[in-house]
Amino acid sequence: MNFYLTDYKNRTWPLPLNPSEFKLTAERDDKTVTVVRLGEISTLGEDKLQSLELKFTIPTDIRAEHYTSAPKKKLAKNGQSYLTWFNWIKNQRHLCRLVISGTKVNFQGVLNTFEYGMEEGYAGDYIVTIKIAQYKPHRAIKVGASKKEENCQERQATLGSTEKGGSGV
């Protein structure tokens, strides 16, 4: 199993080490309401955006490590290159894709959380957490008045003018 991240320019980098954990979250926007004489009932909502969170390690000197999960010739030269690339993806505000080989995970979204650091006083590995949120395309649609509404507005305007100073009997 390998993890591959692709940016919007179609550049794909494998993660040097498989994550210690990853979580794919899929929720629905259900609500609970209280109804007189029934008590609490659950109303089914729409699906919320999915998210994928990965926590993994990147060696500072990738080429010197012997325990990478991806072939070394496909990896970046050092860990700082990955950190720079993740930060660039987040700041570009474009879509990215995470594919996990050997599974059905093929997740497209926006990298909206990126954090890294070192733990336990060891400077040989970066501990990285990224979160990718699902993106649903959307666009605004200009809505105009229908002919029926226009006719109604014209009639109201005509009635209004006759009331103010129109002809009377």
Protein backbone atom coordinates (compact mmCIF):
# COMPACT_ATOMS: atom_id res chain seq x y z
CA MET A 1 0.00 0.00 0.00
CA ASN A 2 1.33 3.44 -0.98
CA PHE A 3 -0.07 6.94 -0.55
CA TYR A 4 0.09 9.38 -3.48
CA LEU A 5 -0.78 13.07 -3.38
CA THR A 6 -1.39 14.94 -6.64
CA ASP A 7 -1.63 18.73 -6.93
CA TYR A 8 -3.76 20.68 -9.43
CA LYS A 9 -0.82 20.83 -11.89
CA ASN A 10 -0.93 17.01 -11.98
CA ARG A 11 2.38 16.57 -10.12
CA THR A 12 2.24 13.40 -8.04
CA TRP A 13 4.50 12.61 -5.11
CA PRO A 14 4.36 9.42 -3.08
CA LEU A 15 4.59 9.82 0.68
CA PRO A 16 7.97 8.47 1.80
CA LEU A 17 6.43 6.50 4.69
CA ASN A 18 2.95 5.13 5.11
CA PRO A 19 0.91 7.11 7.65
CA SER A 20 0.62 5.78 11.15
CA GLU A 21 -3.09 6.53 10.86
CA PHE A 22 -5.60 7.95 8.44
CA LYS A 23 -9.26 8.75 8.98
CA LEU A 24 -11.95 9.26 6.38
CA THR A 25 -14.94 11.04 7.93
CA ALA A 26 -18.40 10.89 6.36
CA GLU A 27 -21.31 12.41 8.30
CA ARG A 28 -24.90 13.44 7.78
CA ASP A 29 -26.53 16.60 9.13
CA ASP A 30 -29.20 14.87 11.21
CA LYS A 31 -31.06 16.86 13.85
CA THR A 32 -32.97 15.89 16.96
CA VAL A 33 -36.14 17.84 17.79
CA THR A 34 -38.66 17.55 20.61
CA VAL A 35 -42.29 17.04 19.60
CA VAL A 36 -45.18 17.40 22.06
CA ARG A 37 -46.47 14.02 23.21
CA LEU A 38 -43.85 12.18 21.14
CA GLY A 39 -40.64 13.26 22.81
CA GLU A 40 -37.42 13.46 20.86
CA ILE A 41 -37.41 12.45 17.21
CA SER A 42 -34.61 12.39 14.71
CA THR A 43 -34.88 14.17 11.37
CA LEU A 44 -32.64 12.98 8.58
CA GLY A 45 -30.41 15.62 7.06
CA GLU A 46 -28.25 15.89 3.99
CA ASP A 47 -24.70 14.56 3.73
CA LYS A 48 -21.97 16.81 5.10
CA LEU A 49 -18.66 17.28 3.33
CA GLN A 50 -16.31 14.35 3.80
CA SER A 51 -12.79 14.84 5.09
CA LEU A 52 -9.62 12.79 5.15
CA GLU A 53 -6.97 13.24 7.82
CA LEU A 54 -3.47 11.76 7.65
CA LYS A 55 -0.76 11.69 10.29
CA PHE A 56 2.64 10.56 9.04
CA THR A 57 6.38 10.91 9.37
CA ILE A 58 8.77 12.41 6.85
CA PRO A 59 12.50 11.86 7.38
CA THR A 60 14.57 15.04 7.15
CA ASP A 61 17.10 13.26 4.91
CA ILE A 62 14.96 10.93 2.82
CA ARG A 63 17.78 9.60 0.61
CA ALA A 64 19.77 8.42 3.64
CA GLU A 65 16.86 6.44 5.13
CA HIS A 66 16.52 2.72 4.41
CA TYR A 67 12.90 2.29 5.51
CA THR A 68 10.88 4.28 2.94
CA SER A 69 7.65 2.72 1.64
CA ALA A 70 7.99 4.18 -1.86
CA PRO A 71 10.91 3.75 -4.29
CA LYS A 72 13.61 6.33 -3.50
CA LYS A 73 13.96 7.48 -7.11
CA LYS A 74 10.33 8.75 -6.98
CA LEU A 75 10.78 10.64 -3.69
CA ALA A 76 11.86 14.22 -3.13
CA LYS A 77 15.48 14.77 -2.10
CA ASN A 78 14.67 15.83 1.49
CA GLY A 79 11.85 16.29 3.94
CA GLN A 80 11.85 20.06 3.63
CA SER A 81 10.83 19.70 -0.04
CA TYR A 82 7.66 17.89 1.06
CA LEU A 83 6.88 20.53 3.69
CA THR A 84 7.32 23.32 1.13
CA TRP A 85 5.10 21.46 -1.36
CA PHE A 86 2.31 20.80 1.18
CA ASN A 87 2.34 24.45 2.22
CA TRP A 88 2.26 25.52 -1.45
CA ILE A 89 -0.76 23.25 -2.13
CA LYS A 90 -2.61 24.71 0.87
CA ASN A 91 -1.83 28.31 -0.11
CA GLN A 92 -2.80 27.83 -3.78
CA ARG A 93 -6.37 27.01 -2.75
CA HIS A 94 -6.82 24.50 -5.57
CA LEU A 95 -7.94 20.90 -5.59
CA CYS A 96 -5.63 18.02 -4.82
CA ARG A 97 -6.14 14.27 -4.89
CA LEU A 98 -5.02 11.55 -2.49
CA VAL A 99 -4.91 7.97 -3.75
CA ILE A 100 -4.13 4.98 -1.57
CA SER A 101 -3.00 2.06 -3.70
CA GLY A 102 -4.54 -1.30 -2.89
CA THR A 103 -7.75 0.35 -1.65
CA LYS A 104 -10.70 2.18 -3.18
CA VAL A 105 -9.63 5.49 -1.62
CA ASN A 106 -9.37 8.13 -4.34
CA PHE A 107 -10.20 11.38 -2.58
CA GLN A 108 -10.35 14.79 -4.24
CA GLY A 109 -10.59 17.90 -2.14
CA VAL A 110 -8.87 20.97 -0.75
CA LEU A 111 -5.91 20.71 1.60
CA ASN A 112 -7.11 23.04 4.33
CA THR A 113 -5.03 21.94 7.34
CA PHE A 114 -1.29 21.40 7.35
CA GLU A 115 0.78 21.17 10.49
CA TYR A 116 4.19 19.75 11.20
CA GLY A 117 6.82 19.62 13.88
CA MET A 118 9.27 17.33 15.61
CA GLU A 119 8.57 15.17 18.63
CA GLU A 120 10.49 13.74 21.55
CA GLY A 121 13.58 15.81 20.87
CA TYR A 122 14.45 13.87 17.71
CA ALA A 123 15.44 16.08 14.78
CA GLY A 124 15.58 13.27 12.20
CA ASP A 125 11.86 13.14 11.38
CA TYR A 126 9.07 15.63 10.79
CA ILE A 127 5.68 14.62 12.19
CA VAL A 128 3.09 15.87 9.68
CA THR A 129 -0.70 16.09 9.83
CA ILE A 130 -2.75 17.10 6.81
CA LYS A 131 -6.51 17.32 6.41
CA ILE A 132 -8.18 17.32 3.03
CA ALA A 133 -11.82 18.45 2.87
CA GLN A 134 -14.17 17.37 0.10
CA TYR A 135 -14.96 20.00 -2.50
CA LYS A 136 -18.36 20.18 -4.17
CA PRO A 137 -18.44 22.40 -7.24
CA HIS A 138 -21.08 25.10 -7.17
CA ARG A 139 -21.95 28.29 -8.98
CA ALA A 140 -24.41 31.10 -8.68
CA ILE A 141 -27.28 31.17 -11.15
CA LYS A 142 -28.85 34.46 -12.15
CA VAL A 143 -32.59 34.23 -11.70
CA GLY A 144 -34.82 36.62 -13.56
CA ALA A 145 -38.50 37.39 -13.15
CA SER A 146 -40.86 35.13 -15.08
CA LYS A 147 -43.41 36.57 -17.52
CA LYS A 148 -46.20 35.77 -15.10
CA GLU A 149 -44.49 37.83 -12.38
CA GLU A 150 -43.83 40.69 -14.83
CA ASN A 151 -47.53 40.76 -15.88
CA CYS A 152 -48.57 40.78 -12.22
CA GLN A 153 -46.22 43.69 -11.49
CA GLU A 154 -47.56 45.62 -14.51
CA ARG A 155 -51.16 45.13 -13.32
CA GLN A 156 -50.26 46.30 -9.83
CA ALA A 157 -48.56 49.37 -11.28
CA THR A 158 -51.66 50.11 -13.41
CA LEU A 159 -54.01 49.69 -10.45
CA GLY A 160 -51.81 51.93 -8.34
CA SER A 161 -51.89 54.74 -10.92
CA THR A 162 -55.69 54.64 -11.28
CA GLU A 163 -56.16 54.84 -7.51
CA LYS A 164 -53.96 57.93 -7.21
CA GLY A 165 -55.37 60.11 -9.86
CA GLY A 166 -57.02 57.95 -12.41
CA SER A 167 -60.46 58.42 -13.90
CA GLY A 168 -63.37 58.08 -11.53
CA VAL A 169 -67.08 57.89 -12.12
